Amino acid sequence: MASPLTFYLPIKQDKESQAAVEENIKNFAAFVKESLDETQIVHYATVALIPNPPPAKGNFAILLLTNFDKAMEPYLTVFWNTPKVRELTVKLVDIALYPPEGEIKTVQDYIKFLTSNNLTPQTGPTWTNFYEAYPNTVSQIIG
C-alpha cells in the first residue's frame, strides 16, 4: 500500500529566493533519479511551482508530490539517509517564507519540517484522502 506526501512550502518573494527555487527544480528528476531508484520505495515524485496570482510575478510556493511505500516517518527517514534527496529538501529552508526555528540537524528535525508542510496528513489508520489503483510495492512492480 502506498502513501502520499503533498509538501507545500510558501517561498520568499526576493529575487535570490525566486532564482534559487527555479534552479532547484530545473533538473529535479535528473538530480534525484538515481537516489530515488535506489530506495525502491518511491512510485512517483513531482515538483511544481505555484505562481503568484496576477499581476504579481514570480512564484508563491513550491509543491512536492510523492507516492511511496511505507508509513510517513520511515519514508522520510529514507529521504534523510539519501544524501541527494536530503540536500535538495534541506535547501528549501533557506527560501521558505516561514522557515523552521533553527537548523535541520537531525532526522527528527527533518521529519518535523516536512510533515508540518504536508497537505495530506494521515488522519487515521487508513488514508481517507488518497486513492491507489493497485496494492503493489515498487519492489514488487520492478522486481
N, C-alpha and C. Protein backbone atom coordinates (compact mmCIF):
# COMPACT_ATOMS: atom_id res chain seq x y z
N MET A 1 0.83 -1.18 0.00
CA MET A 1 0.00 0.00 0.00
C MET A 1 0.88 1.25 0.00
N ALA A 2 0.58 2.17 -0.87
CA ALA A 2 1.34 3.41 -0.98
C ALA A 2 0.79 4.48 -0.03
N SER A 3 1.58 5.52 0.16
CA SER A 3 1.21 6.67 0.98
C SER A 3 1.61 7.94 0.23
N PRO A 4 0.92 9.08 0.50
CA PRO A 4 1.26 10.31 -0.19
C PRO A 4 1.97 11.33 0.70
N LEU A 5 2.82 12.11 0.07
CA LEU A 5 3.36 13.33 0.68
C LEU A 5 3.01 14.46 -0.28
N THR A 6 2.33 15.47 0.23
CA THR A 6 1.99 16.65 -0.55
C THR A 6 2.62 17.83 0.18
N PHE A 7 3.88 18.06 -0.10
CA PHE A 7 4.68 19.08 0.59
C PHE A 7 4.49 20.43 -0.09
N TYR A 8 3.91 21.37 0.64
CA TYR A 8 3.58 22.70 0.11
C TYR A 8 4.31 23.74 0.93
N LEU A 9 5.17 24.51 0.29
CA LEU A 9 6.00 25.46 1.02
C LEU A 9 5.95 26.84 0.37
N PRO A 10 5.26 27.80 1.02
CA PRO A 10 5.33 29.18 0.53
C PRO A 10 6.78 29.67 0.58
N ILE A 11 7.18 30.41 -0.44
CA ILE A 11 8.58 30.84 -0.53
C ILE A 11 8.70 32.36 -0.48
N LYS A 12 9.90 32.81 -0.09
CA LYS A 12 10.19 34.24 -0.04
C LYS A 12 10.04 34.84 -1.44
N GLN A 13 9.75 36.12 -1.47
CA GLN A 13 9.50 36.79 -2.74
C GLN A 13 10.69 37.59 -3.26
N ASP A 14 11.83 37.53 -2.58
CA ASP A 14 13.01 38.26 -3.05
C ASP A 14 13.61 37.57 -4.28
N LYS A 15 14.41 38.32 -5.03
CA LYS A 15 14.99 37.80 -6.28
C LYS A 15 15.83 36.56 -6.07
N GLU A 16 16.62 36.54 -4.99
CA GLU A 16 17.51 35.41 -4.74
C GLU A 16 16.72 34.12 -4.49
N SER A 17 15.68 34.21 -3.68
CA SER A 17 14.87 33.02 -3.38
C SER A 17 14.12 32.54 -4.61
N GLN A 18 13.60 33.48 -5.39
CA GLN A 18 12.89 33.11 -6.61
C GLN A 18 13.83 32.41 -7.60
N ALA A 19 15.04 32.94 -7.73
CA ALA A 19 16.03 32.32 -8.63
C ALA A 19 16.44 30.94 -8.10
N ALA A 20 16.61 30.83 -6.79
CA ALA A 20 17.03 29.56 -6.19
C ALA A 20 15.98 28.47 -6.41
N VAL A 21 14.70 28.81 -6.24
CA VAL A 21 13.67 27.79 -6.42
C VAL A 21 13.59 27.36 -7.88
N GLU A 22 13.74 28.30 -8.79
CA GLU A 22 13.75 27.95 -10.22
C GLU A 22 14.92 27.01 -10.53
N GLU A 23 16.08 27.31 -9.98
CA GLU A 23 17.27 26.49 -10.22
C GLU A 23 17.11 25.10 -9.60
N ASN A 24 16.54 25.04 -8.39
CA ASN A 24 16.39 23.76 -7.70
C ASN A 24 15.48 22.80 -8.43
N ILE A 25 14.45 23.30 -9.10
CA ILE A 25 13.54 22.37 -9.76
C ILE A 25 13.86 22.13 -11.22
N LYS A 26 14.76 22.94 -11.77
CA LYS A 26 15.06 22.83 -13.20
C LYS A 26 15.44 21.41 -13.61
N ASN A 27 16.27 20.77 -12.85
CA ASN A 27 16.74 19.42 -13.17
C ASN A 27 16.37 18.44 -12.07
N PHE A 28 15.23 18.66 -11.44
CA PHE A 28 14.81 17.84 -10.30
C PHE A 28 14.87 16.34 -10.60
N ALA A 29 14.21 15.90 -11.65
CA ALA A 29 14.13 14.46 -11.94
C ALA A 29 15.50 13.86 -12.18
N ALA A 30 16.32 14.54 -12.96
CA ALA A 30 17.67 14.02 -13.25
C ALA A 30 18.51 13.98 -11.98
N PHE A 31 18.34 15.00 -11.13
CA PHE A 31 19.14 15.09 -9.90
C PHE A 31 18.81 13.97 -8.92
N VAL A 32 17.52 13.63 -8.79
CA VAL A 32 17.13 12.64 -7.77
C VAL A 32 16.90 11.24 -8.31
N LYS A 33 16.89 11.05 -9.62
CA LYS A 33 16.53 9.76 -10.21
C LYS A 33 17.30 8.58 -9.62
N GLU A 34 18.61 8.64 -9.68
CA GLU A 34 19.42 7.52 -9.19
C GLU A 34 19.15 7.24 -7.71
N SER A 35 19.09 8.30 -6.92
CA SER A 35 18.86 8.13 -5.49
C SER A 35 17.48 7.55 -5.20
N LEU A 36 16.46 8.06 -5.88
CA LEU A 36 15.11 7.53 -5.65
C LEU A 36 14.99 6.10 -6.17
N ASP A 37 15.63 5.81 -7.30
CA ASP A 37 15.62 4.43 -7.82
C ASP A 37 16.21 3.46 -6.80
N GLU A 38 17.29 3.87 -6.16
CA GLU A 38 17.96 3.01 -5.18
C GLU A 38 17.08 2.71 -3.97
N THR A 39 16.23 3.65 -3.59
CA THR A 39 15.38 3.41 -2.41
C THR A 39 14.36 2.31 -2.66
N GLN A 40 13.93 2.15 -3.88
CA GLN A 40 12.92 1.18 -4.29
C GLN A 40 11.63 1.29 -3.48
N ILE A 41 11.28 2.54 -3.09
CA ILE A 41 10.00 2.74 -2.40
C ILE A 41 9.19 3.90 -2.98
N VAL A 42 9.75 4.65 -3.91
CA VAL A 42 9.04 5.82 -4.45
C VAL A 42 8.37 5.45 -5.77
N HIS A 43 7.06 5.54 -5.79
CA HIS A 43 6.30 5.28 -7.02
C HIS A 43 6.42 6.46 -7.97
N TYR A 44 6.16 7.66 -7.46
CA TYR A 44 6.19 8.87 -8.28
C TYR A 44 6.69 10.03 -7.44
N ALA A 45 7.34 10.97 -8.09
CA ALA A 45 7.74 12.22 -7.45
C ALA A 45 7.59 13.34 -8.48
N THR A 46 6.88 14.37 -8.10
CA THR A 46 6.64 15.51 -8.98
C THR A 46 6.89 16.78 -8.19
N VAL A 47 7.50 17.75 -8.83
CA VAL A 47 7.68 19.05 -8.19
C VAL A 47 7.09 20.11 -9.12
N ALA A 48 6.43 21.08 -8.51
CA ALA A 48 5.81 22.16 -9.30
C ALA A 48 5.92 23.47 -8.54
N LEU A 49 5.97 24.54 -9.30
CA LEU A 49 5.93 25.87 -8.69
C LEU A 49 4.52 26.41 -8.80
N ILE A 50 4.04 26.99 -7.72
CA ILE A 50 2.71 27.61 -7.69
C ILE A 50 2.93 29.10 -7.94
N PRO A 51 2.45 29.62 -9.07
CA PRO A 51 2.71 31.02 -9.40
C PRO A 51 1.93 31.98 -8.50
N ASN A 52 2.49 33.16 -8.34
CA ASN A 52 1.76 34.24 -7.67
C ASN A 52 0.55 34.60 -8.52
N PRO A 53 -0.54 35.02 -7.89
CA PRO A 53 -1.69 35.46 -8.69
C PRO A 53 -1.34 36.72 -9.48
N PRO A 54 -1.85 36.84 -10.71
CA PRO A 54 -1.59 38.04 -11.50
C PRO A 54 -2.15 39.27 -10.78
N PRO A 55 -1.52 40.38 -10.90
CA PRO A 55 -0.46 40.74 -11.84
C PRO A 55 0.94 40.49 -11.28
N ALA A 56 1.04 39.92 -10.07
CA ALA A 56 2.36 39.68 -9.48
C ALA A 56 3.17 38.71 -10.31
N LYS A 57 4.45 38.88 -10.30
CA LYS A 57 5.38 37.98 -10.99
C LYS A 57 5.94 36.98 -9.99
N GLY A 58 6.62 35.97 -10.48
CA GLY A 58 7.29 35.02 -9.62
C GLY A 58 6.39 33.91 -9.12
N ASN A 59 6.88 33.21 -8.12
CA ASN A 59 6.19 32.04 -7.59
C ASN A 59 5.87 32.22 -6.12
N PHE A 60 4.69 31.73 -5.74
CA PHE A 60 4.26 31.83 -4.36
C PHE A 60 4.77 30.67 -3.52
N ALA A 61 4.80 29.47 -4.11
CA ALA A 61 5.14 28.28 -3.33
C ALA A 61 5.72 27.20 -4.23
N ILE A 62 6.32 26.21 -3.57
CA ILE A 62 6.79 25.01 -4.24
C ILE A 62 5.93 23.85 -3.72
N LEU A 63 5.61 22.94 -4.61
CA LEU A 63 4.78 21.79 -4.27
C LEU A 63 5.53 20.53 -4.69
N LEU A 64 5.77 19.65 -3.74
CA LEU A 64 6.42 18.36 -4.00
C LEU A 64 5.41 17.27 -3.68
N LEU A 65 5.09 16.47 -4.68
CA LEU A 65 4.15 15.36 -4.52
C LEU A 65 4.91 14.05 -4.69
N THR A 66 4.79 13.17 -3.72
CA THR A 66 5.38 11.84 -3.87
C THR A 66 4.39 10.80 -3.38
N ASN A 67 4.44 9.65 -4.00
CA ASN A 67 3.69 8.47 -3.57
C ASN A 67 4.72 7.40 -3.29
N PHE A 68 4.62 6.78 -2.14
CA PHE A 68 5.70 5.91 -1.68
C PHE A 68 5.17 4.75 -0.86
N ASP A 69 5.99 3.72 -0.74
CA ASP A 69 5.70 2.59 0.13
C ASP A 69 6.17 2.96 1.54
N LYS A 70 5.57 2.43 2.54
CA LYS A 70 5.89 2.65 3.94
C LYS A 70 4.99 3.73 4.53
N ALA A 71 5.09 3.88 5.85
CA ALA A 71 4.41 4.96 6.55
C ALA A 71 5.27 6.23 6.43
N MET A 72 4.73 7.36 6.83
CA MET A 72 5.40 8.64 6.62
C MET A 72 6.77 8.72 7.28
N GLU A 73 6.88 8.44 8.58
CA GLU A 73 8.18 8.61 9.25
C GLU A 73 9.26 7.69 8.68
N PRO A 74 9.00 6.40 8.47
CA PRO A 74 10.04 5.57 7.85
C PRO A 74 10.43 6.06 6.45
N TYR A 75 9.46 6.54 5.71
CA TYR A 75 9.73 7.08 4.37
C TYR A 75 10.63 8.31 4.45
N LEU A 76 10.30 9.24 5.33
CA LEU A 76 11.11 10.45 5.45
C LEU A 76 12.49 10.14 6.01
N THR A 77 12.59 9.09 6.80
CA THR A 77 13.91 8.65 7.28
C THR A 77 14.76 8.16 6.11
N VAL A 78 14.14 7.47 5.16
CA VAL A 78 14.85 7.06 3.94
C VAL A 78 15.33 8.30 3.19
N PHE A 79 14.49 9.32 3.07
CA PHE A 79 14.90 10.58 2.43
C PHE A 79 16.10 11.18 3.15
N TRP A 80 16.05 11.21 4.48
CA TRP A 80 17.14 11.77 5.28
C TRP A 80 18.44 11.00 5.02
N ASN A 81 18.33 9.70 4.87
CA ASN A 81 19.51 8.85 4.66
C ASN A 81 19.96 8.79 3.20
N THR A 82 19.29 9.53 2.32
CA THR A 82 19.64 9.59 0.91
C THR A 82 20.20 10.99 0.64
N PRO A 83 21.54 11.13 0.59
CA PRO A 83 22.17 12.45 0.56
C PRO A 83 21.62 13.44 -0.47
N LYS A 84 21.42 13.02 -1.70
CA LYS A 84 20.95 13.97 -2.72
C LYS A 84 19.54 14.46 -2.42
N VAL A 85 18.70 13.59 -1.96
CA VAL A 85 17.32 13.98 -1.64
C VAL A 85 17.32 14.90 -0.42
N ARG A 86 18.08 14.54 0.60
CA ARG A 86 18.18 15.39 1.80
C ARG A 86 18.71 16.76 1.43
N GLU A 87 19.77 16.81 0.62
CA GLU A 87 20.36 18.08 0.20
C GLU A 87 19.33 18.98 -0.47
N LEU A 88 18.58 18.41 -1.38
CA LEU A 88 17.59 19.19 -2.13
C LEU A 88 16.49 19.72 -1.22
N THR A 89 15.99 18.90 -0.32
CA THR A 89 14.88 19.35 0.53
C THR A 89 15.35 20.29 1.64
N VAL A 90 16.53 20.08 2.18
CA VAL A 90 17.04 20.97 3.23
C VAL A 90 17.33 22.37 2.66
N LYS A 91 17.72 22.44 1.39
CA LYS A 91 17.95 23.74 0.74
C LYS A 91 16.69 24.60 0.77
N LEU A 92 15.54 23.97 0.81
CA LEU A 92 14.28 24.71 0.80
C LEU A 92 14.09 25.57 2.04
N VAL A 93 14.75 25.21 3.14
CA VAL A 93 14.66 26.01 4.36
C VAL A 93 15.11 27.44 4.09
N ASP A 94 16.15 27.60 3.28
CA ASP A 94 16.71 28.92 3.00
C ASP A 94 15.74 29.84 2.26
N ILE A 95 14.82 29.26 1.51
CA ILE A 95 13.89 30.09 0.73
C ILE A 95 12.47 30.06 1.29
N ALA A 96 12.27 29.34 2.39
CA ALA A 96 10.93 29.24 2.98
C ALA A 96 10.47 30.58 3.52
N LEU A 97 9.24 30.92 3.23
CA LEU A 97 8.65 32.14 3.77
C LEU A 97 8.54 32.04 5.29
N TYR A 98 8.21 30.86 5.78
CA TYR A 98 8.10 30.60 7.21
C TYR A 98 9.02 29.42 7.57
N PRO A 99 10.32 29.68 7.68
CA PRO A 99 11.25 28.58 7.94
C PRO A 99 11.10 28.03 9.36
N PRO A 100 11.55 26.81 9.57
CA PRO A 100 11.51 26.25 10.93
C PRO A 100 12.51 27.00 11.81
N GLU A 101 12.27 26.94 13.10
CA GLU A 101 13.22 27.55 14.03
C GLU A 101 14.46 26.67 14.08
N GLY A 102 15.62 27.26 13.93
CA GLY A 102 16.87 26.51 13.99
C GLY A 102 17.15 25.73 12.72
N GLU A 103 18.33 25.16 12.69
CA GLU A 103 18.76 24.36 11.54
C GLU A 103 18.16 22.96 11.61
N ILE A 104 18.13 22.32 10.46
CA ILE A 104 17.71 20.92 10.41
C ILE A 104 18.98 20.09 10.59
N LYS A 105 19.14 19.55 11.79
CA LYS A 105 20.36 18.81 12.12
C LYS A 105 20.14 17.32 12.33
N THR A 106 18.90 16.95 12.61
CA THR A 106 18.61 15.54 12.90
C THR A 106 17.47 15.04 12.02
N VAL A 107 17.32 13.75 11.99
CA VAL A 107 16.22 13.16 11.22
C VAL A 107 14.88 13.64 11.78
N GLN A 108 14.78 13.83 13.08
CA GLN A 108 13.53 14.31 13.68
C GLN A 108 13.22 15.75 13.26
N ASP A 109 14.26 16.61 13.17
CA ASP A 109 14.07 17.98 12.66
C ASP A 109 13.55 17.93 11.23
N TYR A 110 14.12 17.03 10.46
CA TYR A 110 13.77 16.87 9.04
C TYR A 110 12.32 16.41 8.90
N ILE A 111 11.95 15.40 9.66
CA ILE A 111 10.58 14.89 9.62
C ILE A 111 9.59 15.98 10.04
N LYS A 112 9.93 16.72 11.08
CA LYS A 112 9.04 17.79 11.54
C LYS A 112 8.85 18.85 10.46
N PHE A 113 9.94 19.24 9.79
CA PHE A 113 9.85 20.25 8.72
C PHE A 113 8.95 19.77 7.59
N LEU A 114 9.15 18.55 7.13
CA LEU A 114 8.36 18.05 6.01
C LEU A 114 6.91 17.79 6.39
N THR A 115 6.67 17.20 7.55
CA THR A 115 5.29 16.91 7.93
C THR A 115 4.51 18.17 8.30
N SER A 116 5.19 19.19 8.81
CA SER A 116 4.47 20.42 9.15
C SER A 116 4.03 21.18 7.90
N ASN A 117 4.58 20.82 6.75
CA ASN A 117 4.19 21.43 5.48
C ASN A 117 3.50 20.44 4.55
N ASN A 118 3.01 19.33 5.12
CA ASN A 118 2.33 18.30 4.33
C ASN A 118 0.83 18.57 4.31
N LEU A 119 0.28 18.70 3.12
CA LEU A 119 -1.16 18.97 2.98
C LEU A 119 -2.02 17.72 3.07
N THR A 120 -1.41 16.54 3.05
CA THR A 120 -2.19 15.30 3.12
C THR A 120 -1.79 14.45 4.31
N PRO A 121 -2.01 14.95 5.53
CA PRO A 121 -1.66 14.12 6.68
C PRO A 121 -2.63 12.95 6.80
N GLN A 122 -2.11 11.86 7.33
CA GLN A 122 -2.96 10.69 7.56
C GLN A 122 -3.76 10.95 8.83
N THR A 123 -5.07 10.87 8.74
CA THR A 123 -5.92 11.21 9.88
C THR A 123 -6.38 10.00 10.68
N GLY A 124 -6.01 8.83 10.27
CA GLY A 124 -6.40 7.62 10.97
C GLY A 124 -5.59 6.45 10.48
N PRO A 125 -6.02 5.23 10.80
CA PRO A 125 -5.25 4.05 10.39
C PRO A 125 -5.23 3.83 8.88
N THR A 126 -6.18 4.40 8.17
CA THR A 126 -6.19 4.28 6.71
C THR A 126 -6.32 5.67 6.10
N TRP A 127 -5.86 5.80 4.88
CA TRP A 127 -5.96 7.08 4.17
C TRP A 127 -7.39 7.30 3.73
N THR A 128 -7.92 8.48 4.00
CA THR A 128 -9.26 8.83 3.54
C THR A 128 -9.20 9.85 2.40
N ASN A 129 -8.01 10.36 2.14
CA ASN A 129 -7.85 11.40 1.11
C ASN A 129 -6.84 10.98 0.04
N PHE A 130 -6.71 9.68 -0.16
CA PHE A 130 -5.72 9.17 -1.11
C PHE A 130 -6.26 7.90 -1.75
N TYR A 131 -6.24 7.85 -3.06
CA TYR A 131 -6.69 6.68 -3.81
C TYR A 131 -5.49 6.01 -4.45
N GLU A 132 -5.49 4.70 -4.46
CA GLU A 132 -4.48 3.95 -5.21
C GLU A 132 -5.17 2.84 -5.98
N ALA A 133 -4.71 2.61 -7.19
CA ALA A 133 -5.34 1.64 -8.08
C ALA A 133 -4.80 0.23 -7.88
N TYR A 134 -3.66 0.10 -7.24
CA TYR A 134 -3.04 -1.22 -7.08
C TYR A 134 -2.36 -1.29 -5.71
N PRO A 135 -2.24 -2.49 -5.13
CA PRO A 135 -1.64 -2.64 -3.81
C PRO A 135 -0.14 -2.95 -3.83
N ASN A 136 0.45 -3.04 -5.01
CA ASN A 136 1.84 -3.49 -5.12
C ASN A 136 2.84 -2.43 -4.65
N THR A 137 3.95 -2.92 -4.12
CA THR A 137 5.06 -2.03 -3.76
C THR A 137 5.94 -1.82 -4.99
N VAL A 138 6.82 -0.85 -4.91
CA VAL A 138 7.75 -0.60 -6.02
C VAL A 138 8.59 -1.85 -6.28
N SER A 139 9.09 -2.48 -5.22
CA SER A 139 9.91 -3.70 -5.38
C SER A 139 9.15 -4.80 -6.11
N GLN A 140 7.87 -4.95 -5.81
CA GLN A 140 7.07 -5.98 -6.48
C GLN A 140 6.85 -5.63 -7.96
N ILE A 141 6.73 -4.36 -8.25
CA ILE A 141 6.47 -3.93 -9.62
C ILE A 141 7.71 -4.06 -10.50
N ILE A 142 8.85 -3.59 -9.99
CA ILE A 142 10.05 -3.59 -10.85
C ILE A 142 10.94 -4.80 -10.64
N GLY A 143 10.63 -5.59 -9.62
CA GLY A 143 11.35 -6.83 -9.42
C GLY A 143 12.60 -6.75 -8.69
